[in-house]
Amino acid sequence: MADELANTVLYDVADGLATITINRPDAMNAMNTAAKVALRDALEAAGADPGVRAVLLTATGRAFCVGQDLKEHVATLAATREAGDGNALSTVREHYNPIVRAITGMAKPVVAGVNGVAAGAGFGFALAADYRVVADTASFNTSFAGVALTADSGVSWTLPRLIGPSRAADLLFFPRSISAQDAYELGLVNRVVPAEKLAEEAARVARALADGPTVAYAALKESLAYGAGHTLAEALEKEDELQTRAGASQDHTIAVEAFLKKEKPVYLGK
């Protein structure tokens, strides 16, 4: 299992940027148990590492992630029915929820470099990221209703907030392939680039964030999540709290001094 875990998700850290790569190209990066455990652990490691200032989540091959490995899932269904426990979807609690919490909860920006189809849980991982750079050949599909399941991996929360509840219901009730350009026009992604430039552009965006004011990015990420579920009055109070935190950072002082000197700031990430 250790070798399988090491191979299904690749993890690399260089100069404050953690690159996490889903690596099951022959299975279109479908999530079997080994991949889910490895992805969860890699994201949690990146979140906990003070030396990591941004994360790039991407994949090998022609897919970003097509969600649950249905071959493994069929075997799990049979085993749980035979055992009589009826909980074949415990993976949501054990794997998918922690993966999404790790992406959304870490105090640093996460960029999804979507190289190909993102479906089901893979769609959820991409939506959970703070910024999405997408190959023009990529596509998106909610997929869940197509296999008689409901949304997981945070899609019920992220999708309506990005495109509104009516459009979210349409994509969930009638799953279908959405092109990269259509996803951009819907507001699902931030940038669409030629497929051959995806790796370069996603890395460039992630590198810019890794070199930026980490405390401020963490505060922005927290404020956006908080504002999505609170009143204006509550959001204003949260902004005061977070601005106090950002204002006390070394990077704020560096930025102000660089501005006055008309120089480019070199941030420390603290």
C-alpha atoms as a PDB file:
ATOM      1  CA  MET A   1       0.000   0.000   0.000  1.00  0.00           C
ATOM      2  CA  ALA A   2       2.862   2.414   0.762  1.00  0.00           C
ATOM      3  CA  ASP A   3       4.210   2.190  -2.809  1.00  0.00           C
ATOM      4  CA  GLU A   4       0.711   2.579  -4.247  1.00  0.00           C
ATOM      5  CA  LEU A   5       0.078   5.625  -2.083  1.00  0.00           C
ATOM      6  CA  ALA A   6       3.381   7.143  -3.176  1.00  0.00           C
ATOM      7  CA  ASN A   7       2.628   6.615  -6.866  1.00  0.00           C
ATOM      8  CA  THR A   8      -1.025   7.639  -7.091  1.00  0.00           C
ATOM      9  CA  VAL A   9      -0.359  11.199  -5.930  1.00  0.00           C
ATOM     10  CA  LEU A  10       2.937  13.022  -6.444  1.00  0.00           C
ATOM     11  CA  TYR A  11       4.029  15.672  -3.960  1.00  0.00           C
ATOM     12  CA  ASP A  12       6.776  18.231  -4.458  1.00  0.00           C
ATOM     13  CA  VAL A  13       7.701  21.432  -2.648  1.00  0.00           C
ATOM     14  CA  ALA A  14       9.998  24.046  -4.178  1.00  0.00           C
ATOM     15  CA  ASP A  15      10.522  27.587  -2.899  1.00  0.00           C
ATOM     16  CA  GLY A  16       7.237  27.759  -1.022  1.00  0.00           C
ATOM     17  CA  LEU A  17       5.099  26.161  -3.731  1.00  0.00           C
ATOM     18  CA  ALA A  18       3.673  22.671  -3.163  1.00  0.00           C
ATOM     19  CA  THR A  19       2.685  20.863  -6.358  1.00  0.00           C
ATOM     20  CA  ILE A  20       0.266  17.982  -5.815  1.00  0.00           C
ATOM     21  CA  THR A  21      -0.319  15.831  -8.879  1.00  0.00           C
ATOM     22  CA  ILE A  22      -2.986  13.129  -9.150  1.00  0.00           C
ATOM     23  CA  ASN A  23      -1.209  10.327 -10.981  1.00  0.00           C
ATOM     24  CA  ARG A  24      -3.517   7.569 -12.232  1.00  0.00           C
ATOM     25  CA  PRO A  25      -3.553   8.515 -15.921  1.00  0.00           C
ATOM     26  CA  ASP A  26      -4.551   5.043 -17.146  1.00  0.00           C
ATOM     27  CA  ALA A  27      -7.715   5.307 -15.017  1.00  0.00           C
ATOM     28  CA  MET A  28      -8.335   8.966 -15.961  1.00  0.00           C
ATOM     29  CA  ASN A  29      -7.269   9.785 -12.404  1.00  0.00           C
ATOM     30  CA  ALA A  30     -10.314   8.096 -10.906  1.00  0.00           C
ATOM     31  CA  MET A  31     -10.201   8.005  -7.126  1.00  0.00           C
ATOM     32  CA  ASN A  32      -9.549   4.566  -5.694  1.00  0.00           C
ATOM     33  CA  THR A  33      -8.879   4.232  -1.968  1.00  0.00           C
ATOM     34  CA  ALA A  34      -5.115   4.594  -2.330  1.00  0.00           C
ATOM     35  CA  ALA A  35      -5.485   7.793  -4.356  1.00  0.00           C
ATOM     36  CA  LYS A  36      -8.010   9.285  -1.938  1.00  0.00           C
ATOM     37  CA  VAL A  37      -5.812   8.597   1.075  1.00  0.00           C
ATOM     38  CA  ALA A  38      -2.729   9.932  -0.693  1.00  0.00           C
ATOM     39  CA  LEU A  39      -4.485  13.094  -1.887  1.00  0.00           C
ATOM     40  CA  ARG A  40      -5.979  13.756   1.525  1.00  0.00           C
ATOM     41  CA  ASP A  41      -2.616  13.272   3.223  1.00  0.00           C
ATOM     42  CA  ALA A  42      -0.731  15.423   0.700  1.00  0.00           C
ATOM     43  CA  LEU A  43      -3.180  18.311   1.049  1.00  0.00           C
ATOM     44  CA  GLU A  44      -3.134  18.118   4.826  1.00  0.00           C
ATOM     45  CA  ALA A  45       0.684  18.060   4.777  1.00  0.00           C
ATOM     46  CA  ALA A  46       0.770  21.145   2.552  1.00  0.00           C
ATOM     47  CA  GLY A  47      -1.682  22.936   4.783  1.00  0.00           C
ATOM     48  CA  ALA A  48       0.336  22.188   7.907  1.00  0.00           C
ATOM     49  CA  ASP A  49       3.760  23.034   6.440  1.00  0.00           C
ATOM     50  CA  PRO A  50       4.728  26.643   7.291  1.00  0.00           C
ATOM     51  CA  GLY A  51       7.206  26.536   4.422  1.00  0.00           C
ATOM     52  CA  VAL A  52       4.392  26.099   1.881  1.00  0.00           C
ATOM     53  CA  ARG A  53       2.839  29.401   0.797  1.00  0.00           C
ATOM     54  CA  ALA A  54       0.652  28.183  -2.082  1.00  0.00           C
ATOM     55  CA  VAL A  55      -0.503  24.896  -3.597  1.00  0.00           C
ATOM     56  CA  LEU A  56      -0.924  23.804  -7.201  1.00  0.00           C
ATOM     57  CA  LEU A  57      -3.300  20.855  -7.603  1.00  0.00           C
ATOM     58  CA  THR A  58      -3.109  19.213 -11.017  1.00  0.00           C
ATOM     59  CA  ALA A  59      -2.958  15.805 -12.698  1.00  0.00           C
ATOM     60  CA  THR A  60      -1.188  13.701 -15.296  1.00  0.00           C
ATOM     61  CA  GLY A  61      -2.642  12.403 -18.557  1.00  0.00           C
ATOM     62  CA  ARG A  62      -5.814  13.523 -20.329  1.00  0.00           C
ATOM     63  CA  ALA A  63      -8.060  13.890 -17.271  1.00  0.00           C
ATOM     64  CA  PHE A  64      -7.936  16.010 -14.150  1.00  0.00           C
ATOM     65  CA  CYS A  65     -10.066  13.555 -12.164  1.00  0.00           C
ATOM     66  CA  VAL A  66     -13.236  11.700 -13.143  1.00  0.00           C
ATOM     67  CA  GLY A  67     -14.295  11.140  -9.542  1.00  0.00           C
ATOM     68  CA  GLN A  68     -14.903   7.840  -7.816  1.00  0.00           C
ATOM     69  CA  ASP A  69     -13.254   4.726  -9.263  1.00  0.00           C
ATOM     70  CA  LEU A  70     -16.452   2.857 -10.124  1.00  0.00           C
ATOM     71  CA  LYS A  71     -14.689  -0.476 -10.577  1.00  0.00           C
ATOM     72  CA  GLU A  72     -13.543  -0.364  -6.970  1.00  0.00           C
ATOM     73  CA  HIS A  73     -16.929   1.033  -5.930  1.00  0.00           C
ATOM     74  CA  VAL A  74     -18.824  -1.921  -7.413  1.00  0.00           C
ATOM     75  CA  ALA A  75     -16.691  -4.280  -5.353  1.00  0.00           C
ATOM     76  CA  THR A  76     -17.315  -2.148  -2.251  1.00  0.00           C
ATOM     77  CA  LEU A  77     -21.063  -2.213  -2.882  1.00  0.00           C
ATOM     78  CA  ALA A  78     -21.036  -6.000  -3.102  1.00  0.00           C
ATOM     79  CA  ALA A  79     -18.920  -6.356   0.033  1.00  0.00           C
ATOM     80  CA  THR A  80     -21.071  -4.029   2.142  1.00  0.00           C
ATOM     81  CA  ARG A  81     -24.286  -5.696   1.008  1.00  0.00           C
ATOM     82  CA  GLU A  82     -22.860  -9.087   1.874  1.00  0.00           C
ATOM     83  CA  ALA A  83     -21.794  -7.788   5.274  1.00  0.00           C
ATOM     84  CA  GLY A  84     -25.181  -6.154   5.756  1.00  0.00           C
ATOM     85  CA  ASP A  85     -23.856  -2.775   6.880  1.00  0.00           C
ATOM     86  CA  GLY A  86     -25.234  -0.868   3.874  1.00  0.00           C
ATOM     87  CA  ASN A  87     -22.689   1.952   4.071  1.00  0.00           C
ATOM     88  CA  ALA A  88     -20.809   1.729   0.793  1.00  0.00           C
ATOM     89  CA  LEU A  89     -20.394   5.520   0.682  1.00  0.00           C
ATOM     90  CA  SER A  90     -18.458   5.929   3.938  1.00  0.00           C
ATOM     91  CA  THR A  91     -15.694   7.244   1.678  1.00  0.00           C
ATOM     92  CA  VAL A  92     -17.487  10.601   1.629  1.00  0.00           C
ATOM     93  CA  ARG A  93     -16.918  11.005   5.354  1.00  0.00           C
ATOM     94  CA  GLU A  94     -13.498   9.350   5.411  1.00  0.00           C
ATOM     95  CA  HIS A  95     -11.938  10.815   2.257  1.00  0.00           C
ATOM     96  CA  TYR A  96     -13.869  13.328   0.177  1.00  0.00           C
ATOM     97  CA  ASN A  97     -14.930  15.593   3.027  1.00  0.00           C
ATOM     98  CA  PRO A  98     -11.397  15.793   4.479  1.00  0.00           C
ATOM     99  CA  ILE A  99      -9.967  16.479   1.005  1.00  0.00           C
ATOM    100  CA  VAL A 100     -12.314  19.407   0.434  1.00  0.00           C
ATOM    101  CA  ARG A 101     -11.803  20.708   3.968  1.00  0.00           C
ATOM    102  CA  ALA A 102      -8.042  20.588   3.417  1.00  0.00           C
ATOM    103  CA  ILE A 103      -8.326  22.621   0.206  1.00  0.00           C
ATOM    104  CA  THR A 104     -10.755  25.207   1.534  1.00  0.00           C
ATOM    105  CA  GLY A 105      -9.437  25.343   5.081  1.00  0.00           C
ATOM    106  CA  MET A 106      -5.710  25.809   4.557  1.00  0.00           C
ATOM    107  CA  ALA A 107      -4.500  29.365   5.201  1.00  0.00           C
ATOM    108  CA  LYS A 108      -2.889  29.629   1.782  1.00  0.00           C
ATOM    109  CA  PRO A 109      -4.194  29.805  -1.789  1.00  0.00           C
ATOM    110  CA  VAL A 110      -4.837  26.665  -3.840  1.00  0.00           C
ATOM    111  CA  VAL A 111      -4.725  26.763  -7.633  1.00  0.00           C
ATOM    112  CA  ALA A 112      -6.347  23.982  -9.656  1.00  0.00           C
ATOM    113  CA  GLY A 113      -4.552  23.355 -12.951  1.00  0.00           C
ATOM    114  CA  VAL A 114      -7.317  21.482 -14.781  1.00  0.00           C
ATOM    115  CA  ASN A 115      -5.672  19.588 -17.629  1.00  0.00           C
ATOM    116  CA  GLY A 116      -8.690  17.548 -18.761  1.00  0.00           C
ATOM    117  CA  VAL A 117     -12.104  16.283 -17.762  1.00  0.00           C
ATOM    118  CA  ALA A 118     -13.126  17.045 -14.165  1.00  0.00           C
ATOM    119  CA  ALA A 119     -16.205  15.045 -13.171  1.00  0.00           C
ATOM    120  CA  GLY A 120     -17.976  14.112  -9.947  1.00  0.00           C
ATOM    121  CA  ALA A 121     -15.583  14.442  -7.037  1.00  0.00           C
ATOM    122  CA  GLY A 122     -12.938  15.748  -9.452  1.00  0.00           C
ATOM    123  CA  PHE A 123     -15.309  18.596 -10.310  1.00  0.00           C
ATOM    124  CA  GLY A 124     -15.700  19.185  -6.579  1.00  0.00           C
ATOM    125  CA  PHE A 125     -11.936  19.345  -6.020  1.00  0.00           C
ATOM    126  CA  ALA A 126     -11.574  21.920  -8.793  1.00  0.00           C
ATOM    127  CA  LEU A 127     -14.425  24.059  -7.438  1.00  0.00           C
ATOM    128  CA  ALA A 128     -12.982  23.906  -3.912  1.00  0.00           C
ATOM    129  CA  ALA A 129      -9.754  25.520  -5.115  1.00  0.00           C
ATOM    130  CA  ASP A 130      -9.359  29.278  -4.848  1.00  0.00           C
ATOM    131  CA  TYR A 131      -8.392  29.746  -8.493  1.00  0.00           C
ATOM    132  CA  ARG A 132      -8.886  27.596 -11.585  1.00  0.00           C
ATOM    133  CA  VAL A 133      -6.627  27.645 -14.645  1.00  0.00           C
ATOM    134  CA  VAL A 134      -8.086  25.345 -17.295  1.00  0.00           C
ATOM    135  CA  ALA A 135      -6.886  23.831 -20.558  1.00  0.00           C
ATOM    136  CA  ASP A 136      -9.093  24.708 -23.521  1.00  0.00           C
ATOM    137  CA  THR A 137      -9.588  20.980 -24.106  1.00  0.00           C
ATOM    138  CA  ALA A 138     -10.827  20.350 -20.548  1.00  0.00           C
ATOM    139  CA  SER A 139     -14.453  19.760 -19.627  1.00  0.00           C
ATOM    140  CA  PHE A 140     -16.638  19.531 -16.534  1.00  0.00           C
ATOM    141  CA  ASN A 141     -19.488  17.246 -15.522  1.00  0.00           C
ATOM    142  CA  THR A 142     -21.345  16.949 -12.223  1.00  0.00           C
ATOM    143  CA  SER A 143     -21.940  13.218 -12.997  1.00  0.00           C
ATOM    144  CA  PHE A 144     -23.602  12.348  -9.679  1.00  0.00           C
ATOM    145  CA  ALA A 145     -27.195  11.907 -10.858  1.00  0.00           C
ATOM    146  CA  GLY A 146     -25.902   9.865 -13.780  1.00  0.00           C
ATOM    147  CA  VAL A 147     -24.987   7.102 -11.329  1.00  0.00           C
ATOM    148  CA  ALA A 148     -28.018   7.722  -9.084  1.00  0.00           C
ATOM    149  CA  LEU A 149     -26.110   9.626  -6.415  1.00  0.00           C
ATOM    150  CA  THR A 150     -26.337  13.077  -4.873  1.00  0.00           C
ATOM    151  CA  ALA A 151     -23.617  15.718  -4.820  1.00  0.00           C
ATOM    152  CA  ASP A 152     -20.558  15.347  -2.635  1.00  0.00           C
ATOM    153  CA  SER A 153     -17.061  16.838  -2.409  1.00  0.00           C
ATOM    154  CA  GLY A 154     -18.575  20.211  -1.561  1.00  0.00           C
ATOM    155  CA  VAL A 155     -20.365  20.642  -4.900  1.00  0.00           C
ATOM    156  CA  SER A 156     -23.712  21.421  -3.219  1.00  0.00           C
ATOM    157  CA  TRP A 157     -21.986  24.396  -1.543  1.00  0.00           C
ATOM    158  CA  THR A 158     -19.515  25.625  -4.168  1.00  0.00           C
ATOM    159  CA  LEU A 159     -21.544  25.240  -7.373  1.00  0.00           C
ATOM    160  CA  PRO A 160     -24.561  27.440  -6.476  1.00  0.00           C
ATOM    161  CA  ARG A 161     -22.247  30.080  -5.042  1.00  0.00           C
ATOM    162  CA  LEU A 162     -20.359  30.282  -8.314  1.00  0.00           C
ATOM    163  CA  ILE A 163     -23.242  30.172 -10.804  1.00  0.00           C
ATOM    164  CA  GLY A 164     -26.447  30.523  -8.753  1.00  0.00           C
ATOM    165  CA  PRO A 165     -28.921  27.912  -7.505  1.00  0.00           C
ATOM    166  CA  SER A 166     -30.966  27.650 -10.713  1.00  0.00           C
ATOM    167  CA  ARG A 167     -28.007  26.893 -12.976  1.00  0.00           C
ATOM    168  CA  ALA A 168     -26.535  24.608 -10.322  1.00  0.00           C
ATOM    169  CA  ALA A 169     -29.770  22.601 -10.214  1.00  0.00           C
ATOM    170  CA  ASP A 170     -29.738  22.333 -14.009  1.00  0.00           C
ATOM    171  CA  LEU A 171     -26.206  20.926 -14.070  1.00  0.00           C
ATOM    172  CA  LEU A 172     -26.905  18.559 -11.175  1.00  0.00           C
ATOM    173  CA  PHE A 173     -30.255  17.189 -12.374  1.00  0.00           C
ATOM    174  CA  PHE A 174     -29.127  16.948 -15.998  1.00  0.00           C
ATOM    175  CA  PRO A 175     -25.413  16.084 -15.891  1.00  0.00           C
ATOM    176  CA  ARG A 176     -23.592  16.687 -19.147  1.00  0.00           C
ATOM    177  CA  SER A 177     -20.192  17.709 -20.424  1.00  0.00           C
ATOM    178  CA  ILE A 178     -19.491  21.447 -20.151  1.00  0.00           C
ATOM    179  CA  SER A 179     -16.629  22.741 -22.293  1.00  0.00           C
ATOM    180  CA  ALA A 180     -13.854  24.873 -20.849  1.00  0.00           C
ATOM    181  CA  GLN A 181     -15.153  27.935 -22.685  1.00  0.00           C
ATOM    182  CA  ASP A 182     -18.721  27.370 -21.500  1.00  0.00           C
ATOM    183  CA  ALA A 183     -17.418  26.884 -17.959  1.00  0.00           C
ATOM    184  CA  TYR A 184     -15.588  30.193 -18.244  1.00  0.00           C
ATOM    185  CA  GLU A 185     -18.700  31.982 -19.465  1.00  0.00           C
ATOM    186  CA  LEU A 186     -20.727  30.457 -16.617  1.00  0.00           C
ATOM    187  CA  GLY A 187     -18.178  31.726 -14.096  1.00  0.00           C
ATOM    188  CA  LEU A 188     -16.862  28.318 -13.077  1.00  0.00           C
ATOM    189  CA  VAL A 189     -13.227  28.977 -13.997  1.00  0.00           C
ATOM    190  CA  ASN A 190     -10.842  31.929 -13.930  1.00  0.00           C
ATOM    191  CA  ARG A 191      -8.677  31.376 -17.000  1.00  0.00           C
ATOM    192  CA  VAL A 192      -8.791  29.184 -20.097  1.00  0.00           C
ATOM    193  CA  VAL A 193      -5.473  28.630 -21.877  1.00  0.00           C
ATOM    194  CA  PRO A 194      -4.283  26.459 -24.771  1.00  0.00           C
ATOM    195  CA  ALA A 195      -3.764  22.903 -23.553  1.00  0.00           C
ATOM    196  CA  GLU A 196      -0.062  22.962 -24.401  1.00  0.00           C
ATOM    197  CA  LYS A 197       0.393  25.994 -22.142  1.00  0.00           C
ATOM    198  CA  LEU A 198      -1.665  24.729 -19.195  1.00  0.00           C
ATOM    199  CA  ALA A 199       1.238  23.444 -17.100  1.00  0.00           C
ATOM    200  CA  GLU A 200       3.250  26.626 -17.642  1.00  0.00           C
ATOM    201  CA  GLU A 201       0.384  29.021 -16.940  1.00  0.00           C
ATOM    202  CA  ALA A 202      -0.960  27.160 -13.897  1.00  0.00           C
ATOM    203  CA  ALA A 203       2.549  27.040 -12.430  1.00  0.00           C
ATOM    204  CA  ARG A 204       3.025  30.745 -13.164  1.00  0.00           C
ATOM    205  CA  VAL A 205      -0.184  31.678 -11.347  1.00  0.00           C
ATOM    206  CA  ALA A 206       0.632  29.416  -8.402  1.00  0.00           C
ATOM    207  CA  ARG A 207       4.190  30.767  -8.236  1.00  0.00           C
ATOM    208  CA  ALA A 208       2.920  34.347  -8.146  1.00  0.00           C
ATOM    209  CA  LEU A 209       0.699  33.437  -5.193  1.00  0.00           C
ATOM    210  CA  ALA A 210       3.523  31.576  -3.430  1.00  0.00           C
ATOM    211  CA  ASP A 211       5.672  34.706  -3.721  1.00  0.00           C
ATOM    212  CA  GLY A 212       2.882  36.992  -2.519  1.00  0.00           C
ATOM    213  CA  PRO A 213       1.614  38.236   0.861  1.00  0.00           C
ATOM    214  CA  THR A 214       0.560  34.941   2.427  1.00  0.00           C
ATOM    215  CA  VAL A 215      -1.155  36.413   5.488  1.00  0.00           C
ATOM    216  CA  ALA A 216      -3.256  38.689   3.286  1.00  0.00           C
ATOM    217  CA  TYR A 217      -4.195  35.800   0.986  1.00  0.00           C
ATOM    218  CA  ALA A 218      -5.227  33.706   3.974  1.00  0.00           C
ATOM    219  CA  ALA A 219      -7.385  36.575   5.228  1.00  0.00           C
ATOM    220  CA  LEU A 220      -8.975  37.056   1.802  1.00  0.00           C
ATOM    221  CA  LYS A 221      -9.745  33.346   1.595  1.00  0.00           C
ATOM    222  CA  GLU A 222     -11.307  33.369   5.055  1.00  0.00           C
ATOM    223  CA  SER A 223     -13.326  36.514   4.385  1.00  0.00           C
ATOM    224  CA  LEU A 224     -14.808  35.137   1.159  1.00  0.00           C
ATOM    225  CA  ALA A 225     -15.901  31.927   2.868  1.00  0.00           C
ATOM    226  CA  TYR A 226     -17.282  33.825   5.850  1.00  0.00           C
ATOM    227  CA  GLY A 227     -19.142  36.365   3.746  1.00  0.00           C
ATOM    228  CA  ALA A 228     -20.916  33.606   1.808  1.00  0.00           C
ATOM    229  CA  GLY A 229     -22.926  32.636   4.878  1.00  0.00           C
ATOM    230  CA  HIS A 230     -23.243  35.750   7.014  1.00  0.00           C
ATOM    231  CA  THR A 231     -24.960  39.118   7.015  1.00  0.00           C
ATOM    232  CA  LEU A 232     -23.310  42.336   5.884  1.00  0.00           C
ATOM    233  CA  ALA A 233     -22.999  43.478   9.514  1.00  0.00           C
ATOM    234  CA  GLU A 234     -21.261  40.239  10.443  1.00  0.00           C
ATOM    235  CA  ALA A 235     -19.027  40.440   7.367  1.00  0.00           C
ATOM    236  CA  LEU A 236     -17.968  43.957   8.322  1.00  0.00           C
ATOM    237  CA  GLU A 237     -16.977  42.739  11.782  1.00  0.00           C
ATOM    238  CA  LYS A 238     -14.995  39.889  10.214  1.00  0.00           C
ATOM    239  CA  GLU A 239     -13.273  42.323   7.845  1.00  0.00           C
ATOM    240  CA  ASP A 240     -12.177  44.402  10.831  1.00  0.00           C
ATOM    241  CA  GLU A 241     -10.765  41.325  12.535  1.00  0.00           C
ATOM    242  CA  LEU A 242      -8.952  40.108   9.434  1.00  0.00           C
ATOM    243  CA  GLN A 243      -7.648  43.539   8.457  1.00  0.00           C
ATOM    244  CA  THR A 244      -6.137  43.890  11.912  1.00  0.00           C
ATOM    245  CA  ARG A 245      -4.359  40.591  11.371  1.00  0.00           C
ATOM    246  CA  ALA A 246      -3.134  41.492   7.888  1.00  0.00           C
ATOM    247  CA  GLY A 247      -2.059  44.951   9.005  1.00  0.00           C
ATOM    248  CA  ALA A 248       0.152  43.464  11.703  1.00  0.00           C
ATOM    249  CA  SER A 249       2.023  41.273   9.224  1.00  0.00           C
ATOM    250  CA  GLN A 250       5.590  41.942   8.160  1.00  0.00           C
ATOM    251  CA  ASP A 251       4.441  41.756   4.560  1.00  0.00           C
ATOM    252  CA  HIS A 252       2.142  44.761   5.014  1.00  0.00           C
ATOM    253  CA  THR A 253       5.064  46.869   6.228  1.00  0.00           C
ATOM    254  CA  ILE A 254       7.199  45.594   3.359  1.00  0.00           C
ATOM    255  CA  ALA A 255       4.462  46.443   0.840  1.00  0.00           C
ATOM    256  CA  VAL A 256       3.919  49.985   2.137  1.00  0.00           C
ATOM    257  CA  GLU A 257       7.632  50.756   2.252  1.00  0.00           C
ATOM    258  CA  ALA A 258       8.135  49.356  -1.250  1.00  0.00           C
ATOM    259  CA  PHE A 259       5.205  51.412  -2.555  1.00  0.00           C
ATOM    260  CA  LEU A 260       6.659  54.630  -1.150  1.00  0.00           C
ATOM    261  CA  LYS A 261      10.051  53.797  -2.664  1.00  0.00           C
ATOM    262  CA  LYS A 262       8.410  52.782  -5.965  1.00  0.00           C
ATOM    263  CA  GLU A 263      10.019  49.361  -5.681  1.00  0.00           C
ATOM    264  CA  LYS A 264       8.621  45.868  -6.127  1.00  0.00           C
ATOM    265  CA  PRO A 265       7.989  44.284  -2.706  1.00  0.00           C
ATOM    266  CA  VAL A 266       9.710  41.029  -1.783  1.00  0.00           C
ATOM    267  CA  TYR A 267       7.374  39.304   0.598  1.00  0.00           C
ATOM    268  CA  LEU A 268       8.349  36.993   3.441  1.00  0.00           C
ATOM    269  CA  GLY A 269       4.972  35.274   3.748  1.00  0.00           C
ATOM    270  CA  LYS A 270       4.486  36.363   7.352  1.00  0.00           C
END
